């Protein structure tokens, strides 16, 4: 997965690149349902938000060891309201903006 996502060839995956890969994997029928399913994977505690901790947990499971700064940057790219969490609407907006 990492090889497919490092389009900028800097050796790291930013949130935009990660979402591009996720969108490619979910470009099937009923994309809204798929986006919702992906959001639930990220939202481990089911509170309706993706936190830095949840993102860290998932990325670690995927074999990516990111620094706190990288995780915060990833959240910041999708966090439109500045609360340092990503809600479903923000997640969906990021996912659909990367599907073009």
N, C-alpha and C. Protein backbone atom coordinates (compact mmCIF):
# COMPACT_ATOMS: atom_id res chain seq x y z
N UNK A 1 0.81 -1.18 0.00
CA UNK A 1 0.00 0.00 0.00
C UNK A 1 0.86 1.25 0.00
N UNK A 2 1.91 1.26 0.78
CA UNK A 2 2.76 2.44 0.88
C UNK A 2 3.38 2.79 -0.47
N UNK A 3 3.77 1.80 -1.24
CA UNK A 3 4.38 2.09 -2.55
C UNK A 3 3.40 2.79 -3.47
N UNK A 4 2.12 2.42 -3.39
CA UNK A 4 1.11 3.03 -4.24
C UNK A 4 0.78 4.45 -3.81
N UNK A 5 1.02 4.78 -2.56
CA UNK A 5 0.56 6.07 -2.03
C UNK A 5 1.62 7.16 -2.04
N UNK A 6 2.86 6.82 -2.19
CA UNK A 6 3.90 7.85 -2.09
C UNK A 6 4.16 8.49 -3.44
N UNK A 7 3.13 9.12 -3.97
CA UNK A 7 3.22 9.73 -5.29
C UNK A 7 4.23 10.86 -5.32
N UNK A 8 4.44 11.52 -4.19
CA UNK A 8 5.40 12.63 -4.19
C UNK A 8 6.82 12.14 -3.94
N UNK A 9 7.01 10.85 -3.81
CA UNK A 9 8.32 10.20 -3.70
C UNK A 9 9.16 10.72 -2.52
N UNK A 10 8.50 11.16 -1.46
CA UNK A 10 9.27 11.63 -0.31
C UNK A 10 9.41 10.56 0.76
N UNK A 11 8.88 9.37 0.50
CA UNK A 11 9.03 8.26 1.45
C UNK A 11 8.01 8.25 2.56
N UNK A 12 7.12 9.24 2.60
CA UNK A 12 6.06 9.25 3.61
C UNK A 12 4.71 9.35 2.91
N UNK A 13 3.68 8.95 3.64
CA UNK A 13 2.33 9.01 3.12
C UNK A 13 1.62 10.16 3.82
N UNK A 14 1.19 11.16 3.05
CA UNK A 14 0.39 12.20 3.69
C UNK A 14 -1.08 11.79 3.58
N UNK A 15 -1.95 12.52 4.27
CA UNK A 15 -3.35 12.13 4.33
C UNK A 15 -3.98 12.12 2.94
N UNK A 16 -3.61 13.07 2.12
CA UNK A 16 -4.15 13.14 0.77
C UNK A 16 -3.80 11.88 -0.03
N UNK A 17 -2.54 11.48 0.06
CA UNK A 17 -2.11 10.27 -0.65
C UNK A 17 -2.81 9.03 -0.09
N UNK A 18 -2.94 8.97 1.23
CA UNK A 18 -3.61 7.84 1.86
C UNK A 18 -5.06 7.76 1.39
N UNK A 19 -5.74 8.91 1.35
CA UNK A 19 -7.12 8.92 0.91
C UNK A 19 -7.24 8.51 -0.55
N UNK A 20 -6.28 8.90 -1.36
CA UNK A 20 -6.31 8.51 -2.77
C UNK A 20 -6.30 6.99 -2.90
N UNK A 21 -5.47 6.33 -2.12
CA UNK A 21 -5.42 4.87 -2.14
C UNK A 21 -6.74 4.28 -1.63
N UNK A 22 -7.26 4.85 -0.55
CA UNK A 22 -8.52 4.35 0.00
C UNK A 22 -9.66 4.53 -0.99
N UNK A 23 -9.69 5.64 -1.70
CA UNK A 23 -10.73 5.88 -2.70
C UNK A 23 -10.60 4.86 -3.82
N UNK A 24 -9.39 4.59 -4.26
CA UNK A 24 -9.18 3.61 -5.32
C UNK A 24 -9.72 2.25 -4.89
N UNK A 25 -9.55 1.92 -3.61
CA UNK A 25 -10.03 0.64 -3.10
C UNK A 25 -11.53 0.61 -2.91
N UNK A 26 -12.17 1.78 -2.82
CA UNK A 26 -13.61 1.82 -2.59
C UNK A 26 -14.40 2.26 -3.82
N UNK A 27 -13.76 2.37 -4.98
CA UNK A 27 -14.47 2.78 -6.19
C UNK A 27 -15.27 1.61 -6.74
N UNK A 28 -16.27 1.24 -6.02
CA UNK A 28 -17.18 0.20 -6.44
C UNK A 28 -18.58 0.80 -6.38
N UNK A 29 -19.59 -0.02 -6.60
CA UNK A 29 -20.94 0.49 -6.51
C UNK A 29 -21.23 0.92 -5.08
N UNK A 30 -22.16 1.86 -4.95
CA UNK A 30 -22.60 2.36 -3.65
C UNK A 30 -21.44 2.95 -2.86
N UNK A 31 -20.80 3.95 -3.44
CA UNK A 31 -19.61 4.53 -2.83
C UNK A 31 -19.90 5.19 -1.48
N UNK A 32 -21.09 5.75 -1.28
CA UNK A 32 -21.40 6.36 0.01
C UNK A 32 -21.37 5.30 1.12
N UNK A 33 -21.89 4.13 0.82
CA UNK A 33 -21.86 3.03 1.80
C UNK A 33 -20.42 2.63 2.09
N UNK A 34 -19.60 2.58 1.06
CA UNK A 34 -18.19 2.22 1.24
C UNK A 34 -17.46 3.27 2.08
N UNK A 35 -17.73 4.55 1.82
CA UNK A 35 -17.10 5.62 2.60
C UNK A 35 -17.50 5.48 4.06
N UNK A 36 -18.77 5.19 4.30
CA UNK A 36 -19.25 5.00 5.67
C UNK A 36 -18.54 3.83 6.34
N UNK A 37 -18.35 2.75 5.62
CA UNK A 37 -17.65 1.58 6.16
C UNK A 37 -16.20 1.91 6.50
N UNK A 38 -15.53 2.65 5.62
CA UNK A 38 -14.14 3.04 5.87
C UNK A 38 -14.08 3.96 7.09
N UNK A 39 -15.05 4.89 7.20
CA UNK A 39 -15.08 5.78 8.36
C UNK A 39 -15.20 4.97 9.65
N UNK A 40 -16.05 3.95 9.65
CA UNK A 40 -16.22 3.12 10.85
C UNK A 40 -14.93 2.40 11.23
N UNK A 41 -14.13 2.04 10.25
CA UNK A 41 -12.84 1.40 10.54
C UNK A 41 -11.93 2.39 11.28
N UNK A 42 -11.92 3.63 10.82
CA UNK A 42 -11.11 4.66 11.47
C UNK A 42 -11.65 5.00 12.86
N UNK A 43 -12.97 5.12 12.97
CA UNK A 43 -13.62 5.55 14.21
C UNK A 43 -13.77 4.36 15.15
N UNK A 44 -12.65 3.97 15.72
CA UNK A 44 -12.59 2.75 16.52
C UNK A 44 -13.55 2.76 17.71
N UNK A 45 -13.71 3.90 18.38
CA UNK A 45 -14.57 3.93 19.56
C UNK A 45 -16.03 4.27 19.24
N UNK A 46 -16.32 4.51 17.97
CA UNK A 46 -17.70 4.73 17.53
C UNK A 46 -18.33 6.03 17.99
N UNK A 47 -17.51 7.04 18.33
CA UNK A 47 -18.06 8.30 18.82
C UNK A 47 -18.39 9.30 17.71
N UNK A 48 -18.17 8.89 16.45
CA UNK A 48 -18.48 9.77 15.33
C UNK A 48 -17.35 10.69 14.91
N UNK A 49 -16.18 10.50 15.50
CA UNK A 49 -15.01 11.30 15.18
C UNK A 49 -13.78 10.41 15.03
N UNK A 50 -12.87 10.81 14.14
CA UNK A 50 -11.57 10.17 14.03
C UNK A 50 -10.58 11.06 14.75
N UNK A 51 -9.98 10.53 15.80
CA UNK A 51 -9.02 11.29 16.59
C UNK A 51 -7.60 10.96 16.12
N UNK A 52 -6.66 11.73 16.58
CA UNK A 52 -5.25 11.46 16.29
C UNK A 52 -4.89 10.06 16.79
N UNK A 53 -5.39 9.70 17.96
CA UNK A 53 -5.09 8.38 18.53
C UNK A 53 -5.64 7.25 17.67
N UNK A 54 -6.87 7.43 17.17
CA UNK A 54 -7.47 6.40 16.31
C UNK A 54 -6.71 6.29 15.00
N UNK A 55 -6.33 7.41 14.43
CA UNK A 55 -5.54 7.39 13.20
C UNK A 55 -4.21 6.69 13.43
N UNK A 56 -3.57 7.00 14.56
CA UNK A 56 -2.30 6.36 14.91
C UNK A 56 -2.47 4.85 15.01
N UNK A 57 -3.53 4.41 15.68
CA UNK A 57 -3.79 2.98 15.84
C UNK A 57 -3.94 2.29 14.48
N UNK A 58 -4.75 2.88 13.61
CA UNK A 58 -4.98 2.27 12.30
C UNK A 58 -3.71 2.26 11.46
N UNK A 59 -3.00 3.37 11.43
CA UNK A 59 -1.79 3.44 10.61
C UNK A 59 -0.74 2.45 11.13
N UNK A 60 -0.65 2.27 12.44
CA UNK A 60 0.27 1.29 13.01
C UNK A 60 -0.13 -0.12 12.56
N UNK A 61 -1.43 -0.41 12.58
CA UNK A 61 -1.92 -1.72 12.11
C UNK A 61 -1.58 -1.94 10.64
N UNK A 62 -1.54 -0.85 9.89
CA UNK A 62 -1.22 -0.95 8.46
C UNK A 62 0.29 -0.96 8.21
N UNK A 63 1.07 -0.93 9.29
CA UNK A 63 2.52 -0.99 9.16
C UNK A 63 3.21 0.34 9.00
N UNK A 64 2.48 1.43 9.18
CA UNK A 64 3.05 2.76 9.04
C UNK A 64 3.37 3.31 10.43
N UNK A 65 4.62 3.65 10.66
CA UNK A 65 5.01 4.26 11.92
C UNK A 65 5.21 5.75 11.67
N UNK A 66 4.25 6.53 12.14
CA UNK A 66 4.27 7.96 11.89
C UNK A 66 4.58 8.73 13.17
N UNK A 67 5.21 9.87 13.00
CA UNK A 67 5.49 10.73 14.16
C UNK A 67 4.20 11.44 14.56
N UNK A 68 4.20 12.01 15.76
CA UNK A 68 3.05 12.80 16.21
C UNK A 68 2.77 13.93 15.24
N UNK A 69 3.82 14.57 14.75
CA UNK A 69 3.65 15.68 13.81
C UNK A 69 2.99 15.22 12.51
N UNK A 70 3.40 14.05 12.01
CA UNK A 70 2.80 13.53 10.78
C UNK A 70 1.33 13.19 10.99
N UNK A 71 1.01 12.60 12.14
CA UNK A 71 -0.39 12.28 12.45
C UNK A 71 -1.23 13.54 12.56
N UNK A 72 -0.70 14.54 13.25
CA UNK A 72 -1.42 15.80 13.39
C UNK A 72 -1.62 16.48 12.04
N UNK A 73 -0.62 16.38 11.18
CA UNK A 73 -0.74 16.96 9.84
C UNK A 73 -1.84 16.25 9.05
N UNK A 74 -1.89 14.93 9.16
CA UNK A 74 -2.91 14.16 8.46
C UNK A 74 -4.31 14.56 8.94
N UNK A 75 -4.48 14.65 10.25
CA UNK A 75 -5.78 15.05 10.80
C UNK A 75 -6.09 16.48 10.34
N UNK A 76 -5.09 17.36 10.41
CA UNK A 76 -5.29 18.75 10.03
C UNK A 76 -5.75 18.94 8.60
N UNK A 77 -5.32 18.05 7.71
CA UNK A 77 -5.72 18.15 6.30
C UNK A 77 -7.21 17.89 6.11
N UNK A 78 -7.79 17.08 6.97
CA UNK A 78 -9.21 16.73 6.82
C UNK A 78 -10.10 17.48 7.80
N UNK A 79 -9.51 18.09 8.81
CA UNK A 79 -10.26 18.74 9.88
C UNK A 79 -10.61 20.17 9.49
N UNK A 80 -11.79 20.35 8.89
CA UNK A 80 -12.18 21.65 8.38
C UNK A 80 -12.64 22.61 9.48
N UNK A 81 -13.12 22.08 10.61
CA UNK A 81 -13.63 22.98 11.65
C UNK A 81 -12.63 23.26 12.77
N UNK A 82 -11.43 22.69 12.69
CA UNK A 82 -10.36 23.01 13.63
C UNK A 82 -10.47 22.40 15.01
N UNK A 83 -11.25 21.33 15.17
CA UNK A 83 -11.38 20.71 16.48
C UNK A 83 -10.41 19.54 16.70
N UNK A 84 -9.50 19.31 15.76
CA UNK A 84 -8.48 18.25 15.80
C UNK A 84 -9.08 16.85 15.85
N UNK A 85 -10.29 16.75 15.28
CA UNK A 85 -10.94 15.47 15.05
C UNK A 85 -11.58 15.56 13.68
N UNK A 86 -11.81 14.42 13.06
CA UNK A 86 -12.45 14.40 11.75
C UNK A 86 -13.81 13.74 11.92
N UNK A 87 -14.88 14.50 11.65
CA UNK A 87 -16.21 13.92 11.72
C UNK A 87 -16.55 13.30 10.36
N UNK A 88 -17.72 12.65 10.28
CA UNK A 88 -18.07 11.95 9.05
C UNK A 88 -18.16 12.90 7.85
N UNK A 89 -18.75 14.06 8.05
CA UNK A 89 -18.90 15.00 6.94
C UNK A 89 -17.54 15.44 6.40
N UNK A 90 -16.61 15.70 7.30
CA UNK A 90 -15.26 16.09 6.87
C UNK A 90 -14.58 14.93 6.14
N UNK A 91 -14.74 13.73 6.67
CA UNK A 91 -14.15 12.54 6.07
C UNK A 91 -14.73 12.30 4.68
N UNK A 92 -16.04 12.39 4.58
CA UNK A 92 -16.70 12.18 3.28
C UNK A 92 -16.24 13.24 2.28
N UNK A 93 -16.14 14.48 2.71
CA UNK A 93 -15.68 15.55 1.82
C UNK A 93 -14.27 15.27 1.31
N UNK A 94 -13.39 14.82 2.20
CA UNK A 94 -12.02 14.49 1.78
C UNK A 94 -12.02 13.31 0.82
N UNK A 95 -12.80 12.29 1.14
CA UNK A 95 -12.85 11.09 0.28
C UNK A 95 -13.39 11.43 -1.10
N UNK A 96 -14.45 12.19 -1.16
CA UNK A 96 -15.04 12.49 -2.47
C UNK A 96 -14.21 13.49 -3.25
N UNK A 97 -13.49 14.38 -2.56
CA UNK A 97 -12.63 15.32 -3.29
C UNK A 97 -11.42 14.63 -3.90
N UNK A 98 -11.07 13.44 -3.40
CA UNK A 98 -9.94 12.69 -3.93
C UNK A 98 -10.36 11.62 -4.92
N UNK A 99 -11.65 11.57 -5.24
CA UNK A 99 -12.12 10.55 -6.18
C UNK A 99 -12.17 11.05 -7.61
N UNK A 100 -11.87 12.31 -7.81
CA UNK A 100 -11.93 12.90 -9.17
C UNK A 100 -10.75 12.48 -10.02
